[in-house]
Structure formats: C-alpha cells, structure tokens
C-alpha cells in the first residue's frame, strides 16, 4: 500500500518548487534582462547604439575593450557629444551574455582611472576590474602608472581615445591613484 505525502511534505515540496522557480527567474533576468547583450562586440555596440532592438539608443561607441570577465565601452551621448561615458559589462551565462554593471563620466581631456570591485566573502577574496580611459587625441599624455596597483601602467600612448582594462582579482580595494606623464 502506497503512502500519501503528509501536509507538511506537500508544503515543503511547494516551498522548494517556489524557491527554485524564483532562483531560475532571477538567473534568467541576470542573463537575459534589459541590461544584457549578446557575447560579441557587435552585439554590445548594437545594444548601446540601437534603440529599435531594445537597447539604449542614445550612445555613440568610440572604443571598446575586453579583458577576461569584463568588457568596457567608451561612449558619447548622441545629442551631447561633449558628455562621454565609460560603461562596464560583466560576463554572464558562461560568456554567452554580457550584463551592464556600471558607468561613469570621463574627463574632457586627459585620463581617468575607474572600475568595479566586489568582495564576496570575509577572507578578502575579491573581483576587480580597473580601467584607464580618456581622451588623448592631442597626444599630450605619453604614459601612465598607478601607485596603488603596479600592474596598471603603460607607456608610448597613441594620440587617440584610450581604454585599457586590467583584471586585478584578489586585491583589497579598487586602485585610485593614477599618475600621467
């Protein structure tokens, strides 16, 4: 004779089903939501420039870069070319999707240092991506270095927009100091 599940067992099955469904919805939103795009550089550019496909539509992409699990784009607003942004994306769904994580303004001239930093447990394991970016079309900046992170440096810069990404996983904070020469 087969036993029927008790009321408590049924409630537990329903609760677990609801939790699994909510986690699945959260995961799908993180991978396929409004702030995501496909895996290619062209897909990211379409997402930023083309409003007809559900993207933002008010940016013009100036330059892109990718380093490991992070991707970034330098953009200017279509209606105000003097307002420029750096926009960071993080890899999702095993690299098949990219999710927009943050953005920030960059100076009209010269270089800036910014990025994303997250710590997910108490032993200071961290995920960090730093970007050096800006407008060097005049060629006045020949190189840069960060006092906080020695691996963030470059010389012989081109006279163009600069967008250099560095993954610095495991550091205690996002680098802040940038010296240009």
N, C-alpha and C. Protein backbone atom coordinates (compact mmCIF):
# COMPACT_ATOMS: atom_id res chain seq x y z
N UNK A 1 0.84 -1.17 0.00
CA UNK A 1 0.00 0.00 0.00
C UNK A 1 0.89 1.25 0.00
N UNK A 2 0.59 2.16 -0.89
CA UNK A 2 1.40 3.36 -1.07
C UNK A 2 0.93 4.44 -0.11
N UNK A 3 1.96 5.09 0.54
CA UNK A 3 1.63 6.17 1.48
C UNK A 3 1.48 7.48 0.74
N UNK A 4 0.51 8.26 1.14
CA UNK A 4 0.32 9.60 0.58
C UNK A 4 1.20 10.58 1.35
N UNK A 5 1.70 11.61 0.64
CA UNK A 5 2.50 12.62 1.34
C UNK A 5 1.66 13.36 2.37
N UNK A 6 2.30 13.68 3.48
CA UNK A 6 1.60 14.43 4.53
C UNK A 6 1.47 15.89 4.12
N UNK A 7 0.72 16.62 4.88
CA UNK A 7 0.52 18.04 4.61
C UNK A 7 1.86 18.78 4.70
N UNK A 8 2.69 18.42 5.67
CA UNK A 8 3.99 19.07 5.82
C UNK A 8 4.90 18.74 4.62
N UNK A 9 4.85 17.51 4.13
CA UNK A 9 5.66 17.13 2.97
C UNK A 9 5.19 17.88 1.72
N UNK A 10 3.90 18.01 1.56
CA UNK A 10 3.37 18.75 0.42
C UNK A 10 3.78 20.23 0.49
N UNK A 11 3.69 20.80 1.68
CA UNK A 11 4.08 22.21 1.87
C UNK A 11 5.57 22.40 1.57
N UNK A 12 6.39 21.44 1.99
CA UNK A 12 7.82 21.51 1.72
C UNK A 12 8.09 21.40 0.23
N UNK A 13 7.41 20.52 -0.46
CA UNK A 13 7.57 20.37 -1.92
C UNK A 13 7.17 21.67 -2.62
N UNK A 14 6.08 22.27 -2.21
CA UNK A 14 5.63 23.53 -2.82
C UNK A 14 6.64 24.64 -2.54
N UNK A 15 7.13 24.73 -1.31
CA UNK A 15 8.10 25.76 -0.95
C UNK A 15 9.38 25.62 -1.76
N UNK A 16 9.89 24.41 -1.88
CA UNK A 16 11.10 24.17 -2.67
C UNK A 16 10.85 24.51 -4.15
N UNK A 17 9.71 24.16 -4.66
CA UNK A 17 9.38 24.48 -6.06
C UNK A 17 9.33 25.98 -6.29
N UNK A 18 8.75 26.71 -5.36
CA UNK A 18 8.67 28.17 -5.48
C UNK A 18 10.07 28.78 -5.41
N UNK A 19 10.90 28.31 -4.49
CA UNK A 19 12.27 28.83 -4.37
C UNK A 19 13.09 28.55 -5.63
N UNK A 20 12.99 27.36 -6.16
CA UNK A 20 13.71 27.02 -7.39
C UNK A 20 13.22 27.90 -8.55
N UNK A 21 11.92 28.12 -8.63
CA UNK A 21 11.37 28.98 -9.69
C UNK A 21 11.86 30.41 -9.55
N UNK A 22 11.89 30.95 -8.34
CA UNK A 22 12.37 32.31 -8.13
C UNK A 22 13.85 32.45 -8.47
N UNK A 23 14.65 31.47 -8.08
CA UNK A 23 16.08 31.49 -8.43
C UNK A 23 16.26 31.42 -9.94
N UNK A 24 15.46 30.60 -10.61
CA UNK A 24 15.53 30.50 -12.06
C UNK A 24 15.15 31.80 -12.74
N UNK A 25 14.12 32.46 -12.24
CA UNK A 25 13.70 33.74 -12.80
C UNK A 25 14.80 34.79 -12.59
N UNK A 26 15.39 34.82 -11.38
CA UNK A 26 16.47 35.78 -11.10
C UNK A 26 17.65 35.53 -12.04
N UNK A 27 18.02 34.27 -12.24
CA UNK A 27 19.15 33.93 -13.11
C UNK A 27 18.85 34.33 -14.56
N UNK A 28 17.66 34.04 -15.03
CA UNK A 28 17.29 34.41 -16.40
C UNK A 28 17.28 35.93 -16.57
N UNK A 29 16.79 36.66 -15.57
CA UNK A 29 16.79 38.12 -15.65
C UNK A 29 18.22 38.65 -15.70
N UNK A 30 19.12 38.06 -14.92
CA UNK A 30 20.51 38.49 -14.90
C UNK A 30 21.20 38.19 -16.22
N UNK A 31 20.78 37.16 -16.93
CA UNK A 31 21.41 36.79 -18.19
C UNK A 31 20.69 37.33 -19.42
N UNK A 32 19.39 37.54 -19.33
CA UNK A 32 18.61 37.94 -20.50
C UNK A 32 17.75 39.18 -20.25
N UNK A 33 18.03 39.93 -19.20
CA UNK A 33 17.22 41.09 -18.86
C UNK A 33 17.53 42.31 -19.71
N UNK A 34 16.99 43.44 -19.31
CA UNK A 34 17.13 44.68 -20.06
C UNK A 34 18.56 45.18 -20.12
N UNK A 35 19.37 44.87 -19.13
CA UNK A 35 20.75 45.36 -19.09
C UNK A 35 21.74 44.35 -19.64
N UNK A 36 21.33 43.49 -20.56
CA UNK A 36 22.22 42.48 -21.10
C UNK A 36 22.29 42.54 -22.62
N UNK A 37 23.35 41.97 -23.15
CA UNK A 37 23.52 41.88 -24.60
C UNK A 37 24.24 40.57 -24.92
N UNK A 38 24.33 40.27 -26.20
CA UNK A 38 24.99 39.05 -26.65
C UNK A 38 26.49 39.07 -26.41
N UNK A 39 27.17 38.02 -26.82
CA UNK A 39 28.57 37.84 -26.49
C UNK A 39 29.55 38.58 -27.40
N UNK A 40 29.14 39.01 -28.56
CA UNK A 40 30.08 39.63 -29.50
C UNK A 40 30.20 41.13 -29.25
N UNK A 41 31.29 41.68 -29.74
CA UNK A 41 31.50 43.12 -29.66
C UNK A 41 30.41 43.86 -30.45
N UNK A 42 30.05 43.32 -31.61
CA UNK A 42 29.00 43.93 -32.43
C UNK A 42 27.67 43.96 -31.68
N UNK A 43 27.37 42.92 -30.92
CA UNK A 43 26.13 42.87 -30.14
C UNK A 43 26.13 43.95 -29.06
N UNK A 44 27.27 44.14 -28.41
CA UNK A 44 27.37 45.18 -27.38
C UNK A 44 27.19 46.56 -28.00
N UNK A 45 27.80 46.80 -29.15
CA UNK A 45 27.67 48.10 -29.82
C UNK A 45 26.23 48.34 -30.24
N UNK A 46 25.57 47.31 -30.79
CA UNK A 46 24.14 47.45 -31.15
C UNK A 46 23.29 47.75 -29.92
N UNK A 47 23.60 47.09 -28.81
CA UNK A 47 22.86 47.31 -27.56
C UNK A 47 22.98 48.77 -27.12
N UNK A 48 24.15 49.36 -27.27
CA UNK A 48 24.36 50.74 -26.83
C UNK A 48 23.85 51.77 -27.83
N UNK A 49 23.88 51.45 -29.12
CA UNK A 49 23.56 52.44 -30.15
C UNK A 49 22.16 52.32 -30.74
N UNK A 50 21.54 51.16 -30.71
CA UNK A 50 20.31 50.94 -31.46
C UNK A 50 19.11 50.74 -30.53
N UNK A 51 18.30 51.75 -30.41
CA UNK A 51 17.13 51.68 -29.54
C UNK A 51 16.05 50.75 -30.10
N UNK A 52 16.04 50.51 -31.40
CA UNK A 52 14.98 49.70 -32.01
C UNK A 52 15.05 48.23 -31.59
N UNK A 53 16.21 47.77 -31.09
CA UNK A 53 16.31 46.37 -30.65
C UNK A 53 16.18 46.25 -29.14
N UNK A 54 15.75 47.31 -28.48
CA UNK A 54 15.60 47.27 -27.03
C UNK A 54 16.81 47.80 -26.31
N UNK A 55 17.77 48.33 -27.04
CA UNK A 55 18.97 48.88 -26.42
C UNK A 55 18.75 50.30 -25.94
N UNK A 56 19.83 50.93 -25.56
CA UNK A 56 19.76 52.28 -25.01
C UNK A 56 19.50 53.31 -26.10
N UNK A 57 20.24 53.25 -27.20
CA UNK A 57 19.97 54.08 -28.35
C UNK A 57 20.45 55.51 -28.30
N UNK A 58 21.00 55.97 -27.17
CA UNK A 58 21.44 57.36 -27.15
C UNK A 58 22.95 57.49 -27.00
N UNK A 59 23.69 56.43 -27.27
CA UNK A 59 25.14 56.47 -27.23
C UNK A 59 25.72 56.29 -28.63
N UNK A 60 26.91 56.82 -28.82
CA UNK A 60 27.74 56.51 -29.97
C UNK A 60 29.01 55.91 -29.40
N UNK A 61 29.34 54.68 -29.78
CA UNK A 61 30.50 53.98 -29.23
C UNK A 61 31.77 54.49 -29.90
N UNK A 62 32.74 54.90 -29.08
CA UNK A 62 34.01 55.42 -29.58
C UNK A 62 35.10 54.35 -29.59
N UNK A 63 35.09 53.48 -28.58
CA UNK A 63 36.12 52.45 -28.46
C UNK A 63 35.64 51.37 -27.50
N UNK A 64 36.06 50.13 -27.73
CA UNK A 64 35.72 49.03 -26.82
C UNK A 64 36.98 48.27 -26.43
N UNK A 65 36.88 47.54 -25.33
CA UNK A 65 37.99 46.69 -24.88
C UNK A 65 37.43 45.53 -24.08
N UNK A 66 38.19 44.44 -24.02
CA UNK A 66 37.80 43.28 -23.24
C UNK A 66 39.03 42.68 -22.58
N UNK A 67 38.88 42.30 -21.32
CA UNK A 67 39.94 41.64 -20.58
C UNK A 67 39.29 40.64 -19.64
N UNK A 68 39.44 39.35 -19.93
CA UNK A 68 38.87 38.32 -19.07
C UNK A 68 37.36 38.41 -18.95
N UNK A 69 36.87 38.58 -17.74
CA UNK A 69 35.44 38.57 -17.47
C UNK A 69 34.78 39.94 -17.57
N UNK A 70 35.53 40.96 -18.01
CA UNK A 70 34.97 42.30 -18.10
C UNK A 70 35.15 42.87 -19.50
N UNK A 71 34.21 43.68 -19.89
CA UNK A 71 34.22 44.38 -21.17
C UNK A 71 33.83 45.82 -20.89
N UNK A 72 34.36 46.75 -21.68
CA UNK A 72 34.04 48.16 -21.47
C UNK A 72 33.91 48.86 -22.82
N UNK A 73 33.17 49.97 -22.79
CA UNK A 73 32.99 50.78 -23.99
C UNK A 73 33.08 52.24 -23.61
N UNK A 74 33.79 53.01 -24.43
CA UNK A 74 33.79 54.46 -24.32
C UNK A 74 32.69 54.97 -25.24
N UNK A 75 31.82 55.80 -24.72
CA UNK A 75 30.68 56.28 -25.49
C UNK A 75 30.51 57.77 -25.30
N UNK A 76 29.86 58.38 -26.28
CA UNK A 76 29.41 59.76 -26.10
C UNK A 76 27.92 59.80 -26.38
N UNK A 77 27.26 60.76 -25.76
CA UNK A 77 25.82 60.90 -25.99
C UNK A 77 25.59 61.47 -27.38
N UNK A 78 24.63 60.95 -28.08
CA UNK A 78 24.33 61.41 -29.44
C UNK A 78 23.91 62.89 -29.47
N UNK A 79 23.10 63.29 -28.51
CA UNK A 79 22.61 64.67 -28.50
C UNK A 79 23.57 65.64 -27.81
N UNK A 80 24.63 65.13 -27.16
CA UNK A 80 25.61 65.98 -26.47
C UNK A 80 26.98 65.31 -26.55
N UNK A 81 27.70 65.49 -27.67
CA UNK A 81 28.97 64.81 -27.87
C UNK A 81 30.05 65.15 -26.84
N UNK A 82 29.88 66.22 -26.09
CA UNK A 82 30.86 66.57 -25.06
C UNK A 82 30.68 65.72 -23.79
N UNK A 83 29.55 65.05 -23.65
CA UNK A 83 29.30 64.19 -22.49
C UNK A 83 29.66 62.77 -22.87
N UNK A 84 30.72 62.27 -22.23
CA UNK A 84 31.24 60.94 -22.56
C UNK A 84 31.21 60.04 -21.32
N UNK A 85 31.02 58.76 -21.59
CA UNK A 85 30.91 57.78 -20.52
C UNK A 85 31.83 56.60 -20.78
N UNK A 86 32.21 55.92 -19.71
CA UNK A 86 32.78 54.59 -19.81
C UNK A 86 31.74 53.67 -19.20
N UNK A 87 31.41 52.58 -19.90
CA UNK A 87 30.37 51.65 -19.46
C UNK A 87 30.99 50.27 -19.31
N UNK A 88 30.79 49.65 -18.15
CA UNK A 88 31.37 48.35 -17.84
C UNK A 88 30.32 47.24 -17.96
N UNK A 89 30.72 46.13 -18.55
CA UNK A 89 29.90 44.93 -18.67
C UNK A 89 30.62 43.77 -18.00
N UNK A 90 29.86 42.86 -17.42
CA UNK A 90 30.42 41.66 -16.79
C UNK A 90 29.88 40.42 -17.48
N UNK A 91 30.73 39.42 -17.64
CA UNK A 91 30.35 38.19 -18.33
C UNK A 91 29.30 37.43 -17.53
N UNK A 92 28.31 36.90 -18.25
CA UNK A 92 27.25 36.09 -17.67
C UNK A 92 27.01 34.88 -18.55
N UNK A 93 26.37 33.87 -18.01
CA UNK A 93 25.95 32.68 -18.73
C UNK A 93 27.13 32.07 -19.50
N UNK A 94 28.24 31.83 -18.78
CA UNK A 94 29.43 31.18 -19.34
C UNK A 94 30.02 31.96 -20.51
N UNK A 95 29.86 33.27 -20.52
CA UNK A 95 30.41 34.10 -21.58
C UNK A 95 29.51 34.28 -22.78
N UNK A 96 28.32 33.71 -22.75
CA UNK A 96 27.39 33.85 -23.87
C UNK A 96 26.61 35.16 -23.81
N UNK A 97 26.57 35.80 -22.64
CA UNK A 97 25.85 37.05 -22.45
C UNK A 97 26.74 38.00 -21.66
N UNK A 98 26.47 39.30 -21.77
CA UNK A 98 27.18 40.33 -21.01
C UNK A 98 26.13 41.23 -20.35
N UNK A 99 26.33 41.53 -19.07
CA UNK A 99 25.40 42.37 -18.32
C UNK A 99 26.06 43.70 -17.99
N UNK A 100 25.34 44.79 -18.24
CA UNK A 100 25.83 46.13 -17.91
C UNK A 100 25.86 46.27 -16.40
N UNK A 101 27.02 46.65 -15.86
CA UNK A 101 27.16 46.74 -14.41
C UNK A 101 27.31 48.16 -13.89
N UNK A 102 28.03 49.02 -14.61
CA UNK A 102 28.20 50.39 -14.12
C UNK A 102 28.63 51.29 -15.26
N UNK A 103 28.55 52.57 -14.99
CA UNK A 103 29.01 53.55 -15.96
C UNK A 103 29.48 54.78 -15.20
N UNK A 104 30.32 55.56 -15.85
CA UNK A 104 30.80 56.79 -15.24
C UNK A 104 31.24 57.77 -16.30
N UNK A 105 31.21 59.03 -15.94
CA UNK A 105 31.66 60.08 -16.85
C UNK A 105 33.18 60.05 -16.95
N UNK A 106 33.72 60.53 -18.07
CA UNK A 106 35.16 60.71 -18.10
C UNK A 106 35.51 62.12 -18.52
N UNK A 107 36.70 62.58 -18.12
CA UNK A 107 37.06 63.99 -18.30
C UNK A 107 37.17 64.38 -19.77
N UNK A 108 36.95 65.67 -20.08
CA UNK A 108 37.04 66.12 -21.46
C UNK A 108 38.44 65.93 -22.06
N UNK A 109 39.47 66.05 -21.22
CA UNK A 109 40.85 65.81 -21.67
C UNK A 109 41.57 65.03 -20.59
N UNK A 110 42.60 64.31 -20.99
CA UNK A 110 43.39 63.55 -20.04
C UNK A 110 42.78 62.19 -19.74
N UNK A 111 43.36 61.51 -18.76
CA UNK A 111 42.96 60.15 -18.43
C UNK A 111 42.37 60.06 -17.04
N UNK A 112 41.57 59.04 -16.83
CA UNK A 112 40.96 58.77 -15.53
C UNK A 112 41.10 57.27 -15.24
N UNK A 113 40.96 56.92 -13.96
CA UNK A 113 41.03 55.54 -13.51
C UNK A 113 39.75 55.22 -12.77
N UNK A 114 39.10 54.13 -13.16
CA UNK A 114 37.86 53.71 -12.53
C UNK A 114 37.73 52.21 -12.69
N UNK A 115 36.61 51.65 -12.26
CA UNK A 115 36.39 50.23 -12.45
C UNK A 115 35.34 49.68 -11.53
N UNK A 116 35.37 48.37 -11.36
CA UNK A 116 34.43 47.69 -10.48
C UNK A 116 35.22 46.82 -9.51
N UNK A 117 34.76 46.73 -8.27
CA UNK A 117 35.40 45.90 -7.25
C UNK A 117 34.31 45.31 -6.39
N UNK A 118 34.34 43.99 -6.19
CA UNK A 118 33.37 43.30 -5.35
C UNK A 118 34.09 42.31 -4.46
N UNK A 119 33.72 42.27 -3.21
CA UNK A 119 34.23 41.26 -2.29
C UNK A 119 33.06 40.37 -1.90
N UNK A 120 33.23 39.06 -2.02
CA UNK A 120 32.09 38.19 -1.76
C UNK A 120 32.23 37.29 -0.55
N UNK A 121 33.35 37.39 0.16
CA UNK A 121 33.41 36.67 1.43
C UNK A 121 34.38 37.35 2.39
N UNK A 122 34.50 36.85 3.59
CA UNK A 122 35.22 37.55 4.64
C UNK A 122 36.74 37.47 4.53
N UNK A 123 37.28 36.58 3.72
CA UNK A 123 38.75 36.49 3.64
C UNK A 123 39.33 37.38 2.55
N UNK A 124 38.60 38.42 2.17
CA UNK A 124 39.02 39.43 1.19
C UNK A 124 39.26 38.89 -0.20
N UNK A 125 38.64 37.76 -0.55
CA UNK A 125 38.66 37.36 -1.95
C UNK A 125 37.85 38.42 -2.68
N UNK A 126 38.35 38.88 -3.79
CA UNK A 126 37.66 39.95 -4.49
C UNK A 126 37.77 39.77 -5.98
N UNK A 127 36.88 40.47 -6.65
CA UNK A 127 36.88 40.51 -8.11
C UNK A 127 37.01 41.98 -8.48
N UNK A 128 38.05 42.31 -9.22
CA UNK A 128 38.31 43.71 -9.53
C UNK A 128 38.69 43.87 -10.99
N UNK A 129 38.12 44.86 -11.62
CA UNK A 129 38.50 45.25 -12.97
C UNK A 129 38.73 46.76 -12.94
N UNK A 130 39.91 47.17 -13.34
CA UNK A 130 40.24 48.59 -13.40
C UNK A 130 40.39 49.00 -14.85
N UNK A 131 40.01 50.23 -15.13
CA UNK A 131 40.12 50.76 -16.49
C UNK A 131 40.80 52.12 -16.43
N UNK A 132 41.73 52.32 -17.34
CA UNK A 132 42.30 53.64 -17.57
C UNK A 132 41.72 54.10 -18.90
N UNK A 133 41.11 55.26 -18.90
CA UNK A 133 40.37 55.69 -20.08
C UNK A 133 40.38 57.21 -20.19
N UNK A 134 40.13 57.69 -21.38
CA UNK A 134 40.02 59.12 -21.59
C UNK A 134 40.33 59.53 -23.00
N UNK A 135 40.42 60.84 -23.18
CA UNK A 135 40.64 61.44 -24.50
C UNK A 135 42.09 61.91 -24.58
N UNK A 136 42.90 61.24 -25.37
CA UNK A 136 44.30 61.62 -25.57
C UNK A 136 44.54 61.92 -27.04
N UNK A 137 43.52 62.44 -27.71
CA UNK A 137 43.68 62.72 -29.14
C UNK A 137 44.71 63.80 -29.42
N UNK A 138 44.99 64.65 -28.43
CA UNK A 138 46.03 65.67 -28.60
C UNK A 138 47.43 65.08 -28.43
N UNK A 139 47.52 63.91 -27.83
CA UNK A 139 48.81 63.26 -27.62
C UNK A 139 49.63 63.83 -26.49
N UNK A 140 49.01 64.58 -25.59
CA UNK A 140 49.75 65.21 -24.50
C UNK A 140 50.17 64.23 -23.41
N UNK A 141 49.48 63.12 -23.25
CA UNK A 141 49.85 62.12 -22.24
C UNK A 141 50.65 61.02 -22.93
N UNK A 142 51.89 60.81 -22.47
CA UNK A 142 52.75 59.78 -23.06
C UNK A 142 52.61 58.44 -22.37
N UNK A 143 52.20 58.44 -21.09
CA UNK A 143 52.06 57.19 -20.37
C UNK A 143 51.38 57.41 -19.04
N UNK A 144 51.16 56.31 -18.32
CA UNK A 144 50.53 56.39 -17.01
C UNK A 144 50.99 55.24 -16.15
N UNK A 145 50.79 55.41 -14.85
CA UNK A 145 51.07 54.35 -13.87
C UNK A 145 50.19 54.59 -12.65
N UNK A 146 49.85 53.51 -11.97
CA UNK A 146 49.04 53.61 -10.76
C UNK A 146 49.92 53.31 -9.56
N UNK A 147 49.87 54.18 -8.57
CA UNK A 147 50.62 53.94 -7.34
C UNK A 147 50.01 52.84 -6.50
N UNK A 148 48.72 52.58 -6.66
CA UNK A 148 48.02 51.55 -5.87
C UNK A 148 48.20 50.15 -6.45
N UNK A 149 48.37 50.05 -7.75
CA UNK A 149 48.45 48.75 -8.42
C UNK A 149 49.57 48.82 -9.47
N UNK A 150 50.73 48.25 -9.19
CA UNK A 150 51.86 48.36 -10.12
C UNK A 150 51.61 47.76 -11.49
N UNK A 151 50.68 46.81 -11.60
CA UNK A 151 50.40 46.20 -12.90
C UNK A 151 49.61 47.12 -13.83
N UNK A 152 49.09 48.22 -13.29
CA UNK A 152 48.35 49.19 -14.10
C UNK A 152 49.32 50.26 -14.57
N UNK A 153 49.88 50.05 -15.74
CA UNK A 153 50.82 51.02 -16.31
C UNK A 153 50.94 50.80 -17.82
N UNK A 154 51.30 51.86 -18.52
CA UNK A 154 51.55 51.75 -19.94
C UNK A 154 52.30 52.99 -20.40
N UNK A 155 53.20 52.83 -21.36
CA UNK A 155 53.95 53.93 -21.94
C UNK A 155 53.67 53.98 -23.43
N UNK A 156 54.16 55.03 -24.09
CA UNK A 156 54.01 55.20 -25.53
C UNK A 156 52.54 55.15 -25.97
N UNK A 157 51.72 55.97 -25.33
CA UNK A 157 50.29 56.00 -25.67
C UNK A 157 50.06 56.62 -27.04
N UNK A 158 49.07 56.12 -27.72
CA UNK A 158 48.70 56.67 -29.02
C UNK A 158 47.88 57.95 -28.83
N UNK A 159 47.85 58.78 -29.85
CA UNK A 159 47.05 60.00 -29.83
C UNK A 159 45.63 59.62 -30.30
N UNK A 160 44.84 59.13 -29.37
CA UNK A 160 43.51 58.62 -29.67
C UNK A 160 42.76 58.51 -28.35
N UNK A 161 41.55 57.95 -28.39
CA UNK A 161 40.86 57.60 -27.15
C UNK A 161 41.60 56.42 -26.54
N UNK A 162 41.75 56.45 -25.22
CA UNK A 162 42.45 55.38 -24.50
C UNK A 162 41.42 54.60 -23.69
N UNK A 163 41.48 53.29 -23.78
CA UNK A 163 40.65 52.40 -22.97
C UNK A 163 41.45 51.12 -22.73
N UNK A 164 42.07 51.03 -21.55
CA UNK A 164 42.86 49.87 -21.17
C UNK A 164 42.23 49.22 -19.95
N UNK A 165 41.98 47.93 -20.03
CA UNK A 165 41.36 47.18 -18.93
C UNK A 165 42.39 46.29 -18.26
N UNK A 166 42.25 46.16 -16.94
CA UNK A 166 43.11 45.29 -16.14
C UNK A 166 42.23 44.51 -15.17
N UNK A 167 42.39 43.18 -15.13
CA UNK A 167 41.71 42.39 -14.10
C UNK A 167 42.68 42.20 -12.96
N UNK A 168 42.26 42.62 -11.79
CA UNK A 168 43.11 42.62 -10.60
C UNK A 168 42.44 41.83 -9.48
N UNK A 169 41.95 40.66 -9.79
CA UNK A 169 41.23 39.86 -8.80
C UNK A 169 42.11 39.59 -7.59
N UNK A 170 41.51 39.65 -6.40
CA UNK A 170 42.21 39.35 -5.16
C UNK A 170 42.79 40.55 -4.44
N UNK A 171 42.66 41.76 -4.98
CA UNK A 171 43.19 42.92 -4.27
C UNK A 171 42.17 43.45 -3.27
N UNK A 172 42.64 44.28 -2.33
CA UNK A 172 41.79 44.72 -1.23
C UNK A 172 40.87 45.89 -1.56
N UNK A 173 41.16 46.62 -2.62
CA UNK A 173 40.32 47.77 -2.99
C UNK A 173 40.61 48.14 -4.44
N UNK A 174 39.69 48.89 -5.01
CA UNK A 174 39.88 49.41 -6.36
C UNK A 174 40.99 50.44 -6.34
N UNK A 175 41.96 50.36 -7.25
CA UNK A 175 43.02 51.38 -7.29
C UNK A 175 42.43 52.77 -7.53
N UNK A 176 43.02 53.76 -6.89
CA UNK A 176 42.51 55.12 -7.00
C UNK A 176 43.53 56.09 -7.61
N UNK A 177 44.81 55.87 -7.36
CA UNK A 177 45.85 56.82 -7.77
C UNK A 177 46.32 56.54 -9.19
N UNK A 178 46.32 57.58 -10.02
CA UNK A 178 46.81 57.48 -11.39
C UNK A 178 47.72 58.66 -11.66
N UNK A 179 48.96 58.37 -12.03
CA UNK A 179 49.89 59.42 -12.41
C UNK A 179 50.10 59.34 -13.92
N UNK A 180 50.02 60.49 -14.58
CA UNK A 180 50.27 60.55 -16.02
C UNK A 180 51.55 61.34 -16.27
N UNK A 181 52.20 61.04 -17.36
CA UNK A 181 53.42 61.78 -17.72
C UNK A 181 53.49 61.94 -19.22
